[in-house]
C-alpha atoms as a PDB file:
ATOM      1  CA  MET A   1     185.736 222.705  67.766  1.00  0.00           C
ATOM      2  CA  ALA A   2     189.125 221.727  66.580  1.00  0.00           C
ATOM      3  CA  THR A   3     188.178 218.042  67.201  1.00  0.00           C
ATOM      4  CA  GLN A   4     185.303 218.056  65.327  1.00  0.00           C
ATOM      5  CA  LEU A   5     187.242 218.955  62.320  1.00  0.00           C
ATOM      6  CA  ASN A   6     190.626 216.875  63.231  1.00  0.00           C
ATOM      7  CA  ASN A   7     191.511 213.481  64.839  1.00  0.00           C
ATOM      8  CA  LEU A   8     193.495 214.416  67.903  1.00  0.00           C
ATOM      9  CA  SER A   9     195.812 211.096  66.811  1.00  0.00           C
ATOM     10  CA  SER A  10     195.365 212.020  63.437  1.00  0.00           C
ATOM     11  CA  TYR A  11     199.064 212.969  61.466  1.00  0.00           C
ATOM     12  CA  ASP A  12     200.797 212.133  58.349  1.00  0.00           C
ATOM     13  CA  PRO A  13     204.071 210.019  60.087  1.00  0.00           C
ATOM     14  CA  LYS A  14     206.027 211.157  57.126  1.00  0.00           C
ATOM     15  CA  GLN A  15     205.983 214.716  58.861  1.00  0.00           C
ATOM     16  CA  VAL A  16     207.003 213.657  62.228  1.00  0.00           C
ATOM     17  CA  PRO A  17     210.539 213.937  63.214  1.00  0.00           C
ATOM     18  CA  SER A  18     212.401 211.106  64.389  1.00  0.00           C
ATOM     19  CA  GLY A  19     212.810 211.054  68.016  1.00  0.00           C
ATOM     20  CA  GLN A  20     215.932 208.911  68.307  1.00  0.00           C
ATOM     21  CA  GLY A  21     218.910 210.371  70.900  1.00  0.00           C
ATOM     22  CA  LYS A  22     216.006 212.516  72.242  1.00  0.00           C
ATOM     23  CA  ARG A  23     215.018 212.865  75.767  1.00  0.00           C
ATOM     24  CA  ILE A  24     211.310 213.936  76.681  1.00  0.00           C
ATOM     25  CA  GLY A  25     209.875 214.960  79.824  1.00  0.00           C
ATOM     26  CA  ILE A  26     206.222 214.294  81.024  1.00  0.00           C
ATOM     27  CA  VAL A  27     204.367 215.411  83.838  1.00  0.00           C
ATOM     28  CA  VAL A  28     201.356 213.948  84.526  1.00  0.00           C
ATOM     29  CA  SER A  29     198.809 215.275  87.115  1.00  0.00           C
ATOM     30  CA  GLU A  30     197.008 212.482  89.354  1.00  0.00           C
ATOM     31  CA  TRP A  31     193.957 214.629  89.300  1.00  0.00           C
ATOM     32  CA  ASN A  32     191.769 212.828  87.380  1.00  0.00           C
ATOM     33  CA  SER A  33     193.695 210.086  87.008  1.00  0.00           C
ATOM     34  CA  SER A  34     191.410 207.624  84.503  1.00  0.00           C
ATOM     35  CA  VAL A  35     191.830 210.353  82.266  1.00  0.00           C
ATOM     36  CA  THR A  36     195.484 211.174  82.583  1.00  0.00           C
ATOM     37  CA  THR A  37     196.589 207.856  82.672  1.00  0.00           C
ATOM     38  CA  ASN A  38     195.204 207.500  79.040  1.00  0.00           C
ATOM     39  CA  LEU A  39     196.789 210.658  77.721  1.00  0.00           C
ATOM     40  CA  LEU A  40     200.116 209.252  79.639  1.00  0.00           C
ATOM     41  CA  ARG A  41     200.150 205.733  77.372  1.00  0.00           C
ATOM     42  CA  GLY A  42     198.950 207.744  74.080  1.00  0.00           C
ATOM     43  CA  ALA A  43     202.123 210.249  74.303  1.00  0.00           C
ATOM     44  CA  THR A  44     204.679 207.625  75.648  1.00  0.00           C
ATOM     45  CA  ASP A  45     203.294 204.832  72.608  1.00  0.00           C
ATOM     46  CA  THR A  46     203.655 207.484  69.996  1.00  0.00           C
ATOM     47  CA  LEU A  47     207.202 208.610  71.369  1.00  0.00           C
ATOM     48  CA  LEU A  48     208.225 205.541  71.176  1.00  0.00           C
ATOM     49  CA  LYS A  49     206.889 204.734  67.626  1.00  0.00           C
ATOM     50  CA  PHE A  50     209.050 207.465  66.434  1.00  0.00           C
ATOM     51  CA  GLY A  51     212.445 206.482  68.225  1.00  0.00           C
ATOM     52  CA  VAL A  52     212.300 207.545  71.918  1.00  0.00           C
ATOM     53  CA  SER A  53     213.934 204.889  74.147  1.00  0.00           C
ATOM     54  CA  LEU A  54     211.985 204.090  76.371  1.00  0.00           C
ATOM     55  CA  ASP A  55     214.863 205.278  78.826  1.00  0.00           C
ATOM     56  CA  ASP A  56     214.872 208.391  77.284  1.00  0.00           C
ATOM     57  CA  ILE A  57     211.184 209.118  78.471  1.00  0.00           C
ATOM     58  CA  VAL A  58     210.995 210.634  81.965  1.00  0.00           C
ATOM     59  CA  VAL A  59     207.955 210.573  83.795  1.00  0.00           C
ATOM     60  CA  GLU A  60     206.681 212.663  86.972  1.00  0.00           C
ATOM     61  CA  TYR A  61     203.380 212.929  88.723  1.00  0.00           C
ATOM     62  CA  VAL A  62     201.990 215.820  90.148  1.00  0.00           C
ATOM     63  CA  PRO A  63     198.912 215.996  92.809  1.00  0.00           C
ATOM     64  CA  GLY A  64     196.849 218.302  90.589  1.00  0.00           C
ATOM     65  CA  SER A  65     196.840 220.285  87.030  1.00  0.00           C
ATOM     66  CA  PHE A  66     198.004 223.706  88.924  1.00  0.00           C
ATOM     67  CA  GLU A  67     201.051 221.790  89.522  1.00  0.00           C
ATOM     68  CA  LEU A  68     202.313 220.542  86.359  1.00  0.00           C
ATOM     69  CA  THR A  69     204.620 223.779  85.664  1.00  0.00           C
ATOM     70  CA  TYR A  70     206.375 223.717  88.576  1.00  0.00           C
ATOM     71  CA  GLY A  71     206.991 220.296  87.523  1.00  0.00           C
ATOM     72  CA  ALA A  72     207.995 221.266  83.832  1.00  0.00           C
ATOM     73  CA  LYS A  73     210.552 223.780  85.480  1.00  0.00           C
ATOM     74  CA  VAL A  74     212.012 221.378  87.849  1.00  0.00           C
ATOM     75  CA  LEU A  75     212.563 218.654  84.811  1.00  0.00           C
ATOM     76  CA  ILE A  76     213.918 221.217  82.797  1.00  0.00           C
ATOM     77  CA  ALA A  77     216.619 222.605  85.388  1.00  0.00           C
ATOM     78  CA  LYS A  78     217.180 218.985  86.289  1.00  0.00           C
ATOM     79  CA  GLY A  79     215.956 216.395  84.015  1.00  0.00           C
ATOM     80  CA  ASN A  80     218.304 217.358  81.122  1.00  0.00           C
ATOM     81  CA  VAL A  81     215.526 216.897  78.640  1.00  0.00           C
ATOM     82  CA  ASP A  82     214.876 218.083  75.222  1.00  0.00           C
ATOM     83  CA  SER A  83     211.376 218.793  75.900  1.00  0.00           C
ATOM     84  CA  VAL A  84     208.305 218.459  78.437  1.00  0.00           C
ATOM     85  CA  ILE A  85     204.934 217.796  77.830  1.00  0.00           C
ATOM     86  CA  VAL A  86     202.027 218.115  80.572  1.00  0.00           C
ATOM     87  CA  LEU A  87     199.515 216.194  80.811  1.00  0.00           C
ATOM     88  CA  GLY A  88     195.769 216.833  82.972  1.00  0.00           C
ATOM     89  CA  CYS A  89     192.881 217.222  82.909  1.00  0.00           C
ATOM     90  CA  VAL A  90     190.396 219.855  84.701  1.00  0.00           C
ATOM     91  CA  ILE A  91     186.905 219.528  84.021  1.00  0.00           C
ATOM     92  CA  GLN A  92     183.900 222.280  84.446  1.00  0.00           C
ATOM     93  CA  GLY A  93     182.397 222.296  88.179  1.00  0.00           C
ATOM     94  CA  GLU A  94     180.396 224.505  89.758  1.00  0.00           C
ATOM     95  CA  THR A  95     183.056 227.111  91.218  1.00  0.00           C
ATOM     96  CA  PRO A  96     185.286 229.185  89.481  1.00  0.00           C
ATOM     97  CA  HIS A  97     187.932 226.794  90.094  1.00  0.00           C
ATOM     98  CA  PHE A  98     188.307 225.673  86.936  1.00  0.00           C
ATOM     99  CA  ASN A  99     188.871 229.261  85.354  1.00  0.00           C
ATOM    100  CA  TYR A 100     192.109 229.654  88.009  1.00  0.00           C
ATOM    101  CA  VAL A 101     193.370 226.152  87.035  1.00  0.00           C
ATOM    102  CA  CYS A 102     193.425 226.619  83.309  1.00  0.00           C
ATOM    103  CA  ASP A 103     194.317 230.125  83.456  1.00  0.00           C
ATOM    104  CA  SER A 104     197.601 228.879  85.569  1.00  0.00           C
ATOM    105  CA  VAL A 105     198.402 225.871  83.176  1.00  0.00           C
ATOM    106  CA  THR A 106     198.133 228.161  80.314  1.00  0.00           C
ATOM    107  CA  ASP A 107     199.958 231.504  81.282  1.00  0.00           C
ATOM    108  CA  GLY A 108     202.697 229.202  83.016  1.00  0.00           C
ATOM    109  CA  THR A 109     203.356 226.742  80.189  1.00  0.00           C
ATOM    110  CA  THR A 110     203.477 229.902  78.188  1.00  0.00           C
ATOM    111  CA  GLN A 111     205.821 231.680  80.391  1.00  0.00           C
ATOM    112  CA  LEU A 112     207.746 228.588  80.113  1.00  0.00           C
ATOM    113  CA  ASN A 113     208.300 228.655  76.468  1.00  0.00           C
ATOM    114  CA  LEU A 114     209.349 232.273  76.731  1.00  0.00           C
ATOM    115  CA  THR A 115     211.911 231.665  79.250  1.00  0.00           C
ATOM    116  CA  GLN A 116     213.249 228.447  79.105  1.00  0.00           C
ATOM    117  CA  ASP A 117     215.302 226.814  76.337  1.00  0.00           C
ATOM    118  CA  VAL A 118     213.223 223.518  76.479  1.00  0.00           C
ATOM    119  CA  PRO A 119     209.804 223.543  74.463  1.00  0.00           C
ATOM    120  CA  VAL A 120     206.743 223.029  76.797  1.00  0.00           C
ATOM    121  CA  ILE A 121     204.052 220.900  75.376  1.00  0.00           C
ATOM    122  CA  PHE A 122     200.761 222.412  76.436  1.00  0.00           C
ATOM    123  CA  GLY A 123     198.411 218.534  76.728  1.00  0.00           C
ATOM    124  CA  LEU A 124     195.852 220.083  79.419  1.00  0.00           C
ATOM    125  CA  LEU A 125     192.728 219.068  78.540  1.00  0.00           C
ATOM    126  CA  THR A 126     189.887 221.864  79.797  1.00  0.00           C
ATOM    127  CA  THR A 127     185.823 219.889  79.285  1.00  0.00           C
ATOM    128  CA  ASN A 128     183.210 220.518  80.511  1.00  0.00           C
ATOM    129  CA  THR A 129     182.237 216.581  81.226  1.00  0.00           C
ATOM    130  CA  LEU A 130     184.079 213.319  82.486  1.00  0.00           C
ATOM    131  CA  ASP A 131     182.552 212.199  78.801  1.00  0.00           C
ATOM    132  CA  GLN A 132     184.325 215.080  77.254  1.00  0.00           C
ATOM    133  CA  ALA A 133     187.773 214.334  78.692  1.00  0.00           C
ATOM    134  CA  LYS A 134     187.399 210.302  77.606  1.00  0.00           C
ATOM    135  CA  ALA A 135     186.605 210.994  74.283  1.00  0.00           C
ATOM    136  CA  ARG A 136     190.037 212.952  74.230  1.00  0.00           C
ATOM    137  CA  ALA A 137     192.055 210.731  75.488  1.00  0.00           C
ATOM    138  CA  GLY A 138     191.872 207.550  73.795  1.00  0.00           C
ATOM    139  CA  GLY A 139     187.801 207.939  72.657  1.00  0.00           C
ATOM    140  CA  ARG A 140     185.903 209.182  70.258  1.00  0.00           C
ATOM    141  CA  HIS A 141     188.136 212.576  69.039  1.00  0.00           C
ATOM    142  CA  GLY A 142     191.320 210.497  69.640  1.00  0.00           C
ATOM    143  CA  ASN A 143     193.952 210.864  72.432  1.00  0.00           C
ATOM    144  CA  LYS A 144     195.892 214.554  73.158  1.00  0.00           C
ATOM    145  CA  GLY A 145     198.467 212.452  74.257  1.00  0.00           C
ATOM    146  CA  ASP A 146     199.357 211.414  70.873  1.00  0.00           C
ATOM    147  CA  GLU A 147     199.095 215.156  69.748  1.00  0.00           C
ATOM    148  CA  ALA A 148     201.256 216.505  72.480  1.00  0.00           C
ATOM    149  CA  ALA A 149     204.188 213.746  71.849  1.00  0.00           C
ATOM    150  CA  ILE A 150     204.185 214.680  68.107  1.00  0.00           C
ATOM    151  CA  THR A 151     204.122 218.137  69.123  1.00  0.00           C
ATOM    152  CA  ALA A 152     206.933 218.136  71.034  1.00  0.00           C
ATOM    153  CA  LEU A 153     208.968 216.324  68.413  1.00  0.00           C
ATOM    154  CA  LYS A 154     208.439 218.594  65.847  1.00  0.00           C
ATOM    155  CA  MET A 155     208.669 221.566  68.821  1.00  0.00           C
ATOM    156  CA  ILE A 156     212.547 219.693  69.167  1.00  0.00           C
ATOM    157  CA  ALA A 157     212.877 219.956  65.320  1.00  0.00           C
ATOM    158  CA  LEU A 158     212.432 223.803  65.028  1.00  0.00           C
ATOM    159  CA  LYS A 159     214.391 224.213  67.959  1.00  0.00           C
ATOM    160  CA  GLU A 160     217.938 222.463  66.329  1.00  0.00           C
ATOM    161  CA  LYS A 161     217.195 223.769  63.154  1.00  0.00           C
ATOM    162  CA  TYR A 162     217.847 226.915  64.288  1.00  0.00           C
ATOM    163  CA  GLN A 163     220.736 226.140  66.530  1.00  0.00           C
END
C-alpha cells in the first residue's frame, strides 16, 4: 500500500513550484462531507502555502463523486483555471455501486486529461471503510488534499515548461 510507504502529506517543499498567479479550481463532492471537507482544507491550505491567492482558488460543490468530472469540465470551460482538482470519497458498500462510481470518476478524469489542455488532478478516495477514509483525509496517512494540491502545481509547471 502506497500510504504505508509514503505519507500523503509528505513532500519536499523545494520540489514544489510556486503557485503565485495560478488559478486553481477544486470540485468537491458533498457526499461523505465529513471526509471531503478535510480533503478540501488540506488542498486549500497547501495551495495557499505555495503562493496561490485565496481569490484564485475556485471551489464548487457537486452532489456526489459521480458528478466530479462534469464539475471539472464546467470549470475548465468557464472558470479560467490553470488546473482542476477533484475531491471525493467513495466507501465500499454491499452493492457494486462502489465499482461503477470509482470506475466512472477514474475514466472521466483520464478523458478530461487526454482531451483538455488543463490538468485535472484525481483526489478521489476509494476505501473499504470510513476509518480508512479519515486516515487519508488528515489522519495517520496524511491528507490526499495536500497531495492533490502539490500535484496540481507540478502539472501546471510541466505544461508551462513546454508551451
